[in-house]
Amino acid sequence: AGGRGAGGGAGAAMAAGPRWRERLFALYFLSHIPVTLLIDLQALLPAGLHPRGLTELLQWYAATFRDPMMLQPPEWFKAFIYCEAFLQMPFFPIAVYAFSKGGCKWIRTPAIIYSTHVATTLFAILAHILFHDFSKSEHLGPQTQRERLILLSIYAPYLLIPLLILFTMLYNPHYNHVEKRKRK
């Protein structure tokens, strides 16, 4: 037991290292499913398809956080929502399964693709929030720097968590282990 203790402890710590992140990632993807289906897709579907309560929730959110993109999305923003609906949404349950189970190395490549795609879209969205002139928007947008930062804080986790996923997939030894090929 004495010889195994030091090495076993270090190995166990490395194996357990990504577990808190896997739980965070599973929760992130699990929470994304109802948000996408009940809120985000309202921008693409005809009015009246969602229950009135969900439509009112979206209108409350847009007014409270001054997010006119959700009520009257620019075409580029709609393109991102289409990607969310048809590319990301099918991935969400797979990611929930993999990260809930833990230790699924096969999730590495799909998670890299997902996180890179989402981080790229979020840079455009955050730049729009920070620099766009919302004074001509039909729906109330952020007018002050404080309002822009509040809206930015709503979108920021959708950049930060995918960046953490990307970092974990690229640099954590659990996911980044490259198998050595046998020489013949």
Protein backbone atom coordinates (compact mmCIF):
# COMPACT_ATOMS: atom_id res chain seq x y z
CA ALA A 1 0.00 0.00 0.00
CA GLY A 2 2.89 2.36 0.78
CA GLY A 3 4.38 2.09 -2.71
CA ARG A 4 1.02 2.57 -4.36
CA GLY A 5 -0.15 5.52 -2.26
CA ALA A 6 1.88 8.32 -3.79
CA GLY A 7 1.51 7.25 -7.40
CA GLY A 8 -2.12 6.23 -7.01
CA GLY A 9 -3.01 9.52 -5.35
CA ALA A 10 -1.48 11.57 -8.15
CA GLY A 11 -3.17 9.45 -10.81
CA ALA A 12 -6.51 9.70 -9.02
CA ALA A 13 -6.12 13.47 -8.74
CA MET A 14 -5.44 13.72 -12.48
CA ALA A 15 -8.45 11.54 -13.28
CA ALA A 16 -10.67 13.54 -10.93
CA GLY A 17 -9.29 16.84 -12.21
CA PRO A 18 -11.79 17.43 -15.01
CA ARG A 19 -14.80 16.08 -13.06
CA TRP A 20 -16.02 19.44 -11.71
CA ARG A 21 -15.74 20.83 -15.23
CA GLU A 22 -17.61 17.87 -16.68
CA ARG A 23 -20.45 18.50 -14.23
CA LEU A 24 -20.47 22.20 -15.17
CA PHE A 25 -20.48 21.31 -18.88
CA ALA A 26 -23.32 18.80 -18.40
CA LEU A 27 -25.38 21.43 -16.56
CA TYR A 28 -24.58 24.03 -19.24
CA PHE A 29 -25.77 21.75 -22.06
CA LEU A 30 -28.79 20.53 -20.08
CA SER A 31 -29.91 24.12 -19.38
CA HIS A 32 -29.35 25.03 -23.01
CA ILE A 33 -32.03 22.59 -24.25
CA PRO A 34 -35.09 24.38 -22.79
CA VAL A 35 -33.58 27.82 -23.44
CA THR A 36 -33.12 26.97 -27.11
CA LEU A 37 -36.50 25.28 -27.56
CA LEU A 38 -38.64 27.67 -25.53
CA ILE A 39 -36.92 31.04 -25.94
CA ASP A 40 -34.33 31.25 -28.72
CA LEU A 41 -36.38 29.50 -31.40
CA GLN A 42 -39.16 32.09 -31.01
CA ALA A 43 -37.06 34.32 -33.28
CA LEU A 44 -37.38 31.81 -36.13
CA LEU A 45 -40.88 30.39 -35.74
CA PRO A 46 -44.11 32.12 -36.74
CA ALA A 47 -45.82 34.20 -34.07
CA GLY A 48 -48.42 32.28 -32.12
CA LEU A 49 -46.61 28.93 -32.21
CA HIS A 50 -45.30 29.32 -28.67
CA PRO A 51 -47.63 29.58 -25.68
CA ARG A 52 -48.47 33.13 -24.67
CA GLY A 53 -46.59 32.74 -21.38
CA LEU A 54 -43.34 32.01 -23.22
CA THR A 55 -43.87 34.91 -25.59
CA GLU A 56 -44.50 37.18 -22.59
CA LEU A 57 -41.37 35.83 -20.91
CA LEU A 58 -39.31 36.70 -23.99
CA GLN A 59 -40.86 40.18 -24.17
CA TRP A 60 -40.18 40.72 -20.45
CA TYR A 61 -36.56 39.60 -20.89
CA ALA A 62 -36.04 41.82 -23.95
CA ALA A 63 -37.52 44.87 -22.21
CA THR A 64 -35.79 44.28 -18.85
CA PHE A 65 -32.34 43.63 -20.29
CA ARG A 66 -32.79 45.81 -23.38
CA ASP A 67 -32.12 43.05 -25.87
CA PRO A 68 -33.87 43.99 -29.13
CA MET A 69 -32.00 41.21 -30.98
CA MET A 70 -34.33 38.62 -29.47
CA LEU A 71 -37.51 40.40 -30.61
CA GLN A 72 -36.30 41.68 -33.96
CA PRO A 73 -33.14 39.76 -34.80
CA PRO A 74 -30.85 41.07 -37.53
CA GLU A 75 -30.34 38.56 -40.34
CA TRP A 76 -26.84 37.63 -39.14
CA PHE A 77 -28.26 36.92 -35.66
CA LYS A 78 -31.00 34.75 -37.19
CA ALA A 79 -28.26 32.79 -38.97
CA PHE A 80 -26.69 32.07 -35.57
CA ILE A 81 -30.07 30.91 -34.22
CA TYR A 82 -30.48 28.58 -37.22
CA CYS A 83 -27.05 27.14 -36.37
CA GLU A 84 -28.20 26.74 -32.78
CA ALA A 85 -31.37 24.96 -33.89
CA PHE A 86 -29.92 22.62 -36.51
CA LEU A 87 -26.28 22.12 -35.50
CA GLN A 88 -26.06 22.73 -31.77
CA MET A 89 -29.43 21.46 -30.52
CA PRO A 90 -28.84 17.87 -31.72
CA PHE A 91 -25.47 17.97 -29.94
CA PHE A 92 -26.84 19.15 -26.57
CA PRO A 93 -28.27 15.76 -25.39
CA ILE A 94 -25.11 13.97 -26.57
CA ALA A 95 -22.96 16.40 -24.61
CA VAL A 96 -25.20 16.08 -21.54
CA TYR A 97 -24.77 12.31 -21.68
CA ALA A 98 -20.99 12.40 -22.21
CA PHE A 99 -20.24 14.98 -19.53
CA SER A 100 -22.72 13.49 -17.04
CA LYS A 101 -21.19 10.06 -17.46
CA GLY A 102 -17.69 11.52 -17.30
CA GLY A 103 -14.48 10.30 -18.83
CA CYS A 104 -15.87 10.05 -22.38
CA LYS A 105 -12.82 10.86 -24.47
CA TRP A 106 -14.86 10.53 -27.69
CA ILE A 107 -16.57 13.86 -26.91
CA ARG A 108 -13.29 15.73 -27.48
CA THR A 109 -13.60 16.44 -31.22
CA PRO A 110 -17.34 17.31 -31.20
CA ALA A 111 -16.77 19.54 -28.15
CA ILE A 112 -13.89 21.34 -29.89
CA ILE A 113 -16.07 21.94 -32.95
CA TYR A 114 -19.00 23.13 -30.81
CA SER A 115 -16.96 25.42 -28.56
CA THR A 116 -15.02 26.98 -31.43
CA HIS A 117 -18.23 27.66 -33.37
CA VAL A 118 -20.06 29.17 -30.39
CA ALA A 119 -17.10 31.29 -29.24
CA THR A 120 -16.81 32.70 -32.77
CA THR A 121 -20.51 33.62 -32.90
CA LEU A 122 -20.36 35.16 -29.43
CA PHE A 123 -17.53 37.50 -30.39
CA ALA A 124 -19.80 38.97 -33.09
CA ILE A 125 -22.77 39.21 -30.71
CA LEU A 126 -20.72 40.86 -27.94
CA ALA A 127 -19.18 43.33 -30.39
CA HIS A 128 -22.68 44.20 -31.59
CA ILE A 129 -23.83 44.78 -28.00
CA LEU A 130 -20.82 46.98 -27.25
CA PHE A 131 -20.65 49.06 -30.43
CA HIS A 132 -24.00 49.07 -32.27
CA ASP A 133 -26.14 52.22 -32.29
CA PHE A 134 -29.42 50.92 -30.88
CA SER A 135 -31.12 54.33 -30.97
CA LYS A 136 -32.82 53.44 -34.26
CA SER A 137 -34.03 49.99 -33.12
CA GLU A 138 -37.77 49.37 -33.15
CA HIS A 139 -37.43 47.70 -29.72
CA LEU A 140 -35.57 49.32 -26.84
CA GLY A 141 -31.86 48.50 -26.85
CA PRO A 142 -29.09 49.42 -24.42
CA GLN A 143 -28.46 53.17 -24.36
CA THR A 144 -25.89 53.59 -21.61
CA GLN A 145 -22.60 51.82 -21.01
CA ARG A 146 -24.11 50.26 -17.88
CA GLU A 147 -27.06 48.83 -19.90
CA ARG A 148 -24.61 47.46 -22.49
CA LEU A 149 -22.56 45.79 -19.75
CA ILE A 150 -25.67 44.26 -18.16
CA LEU A 151 -26.72 42.80 -21.53
CA LEU A 152 -23.15 41.69 -22.11
CA SER A 153 -23.22 39.84 -18.78
CA ILE A 154 -26.27 37.84 -19.99
CA TYR A 155 -24.38 36.65 -23.09
CA ALA A 156 -20.90 36.31 -21.50
CA PRO A 157 -21.41 32.80 -20.02
CA TYR A 158 -22.18 31.57 -23.54
CA LEU A 159 -18.66 32.67 -24.47
CA LEU A 160 -16.81 31.81 -21.26
CA ILE A 161 -18.11 28.25 -20.80
CA PRO A 162 -17.40 27.25 -24.43
CA LEU A 163 -13.89 28.71 -24.04
CA LEU A 164 -13.46 26.61 -20.88
CA ILE A 165 -14.71 23.56 -22.82
CA LEU A 166 -12.23 24.30 -25.61
CA PHE A 167 -9.36 24.83 -23.16
CA THR A 168 -10.25 21.59 -21.34
CA MET A 169 -10.46 19.56 -24.55
CA LEU A 170 -7.17 20.94 -25.86
CA TYR A 171 -5.02 21.03 -22.74
CA ASN A 172 -6.35 18.65 -20.09
CA PRO A 173 -4.29 15.44 -20.22
CA HIS A 174 -7.45 13.37 -19.76
CA TYR A 175 -8.81 14.55 -23.12
CA ASN A 176 -5.57 15.51 -24.81
CA HIS A 177 -3.76 12.18 -24.41
CA VAL A 178 -2.28 11.12 -27.73
CA GLU A 179 -1.88 7.38 -28.11
CA LYS A 180 1.66 6.30 -28.99
CA ARG A 181 1.76 4.07 -32.04
CA LYS A 182 3.79 0.90 -31.91
CA ARG A 183 6.83 0.89 -34.13
CA LYS A 184 7.16 -2.09 -36.42
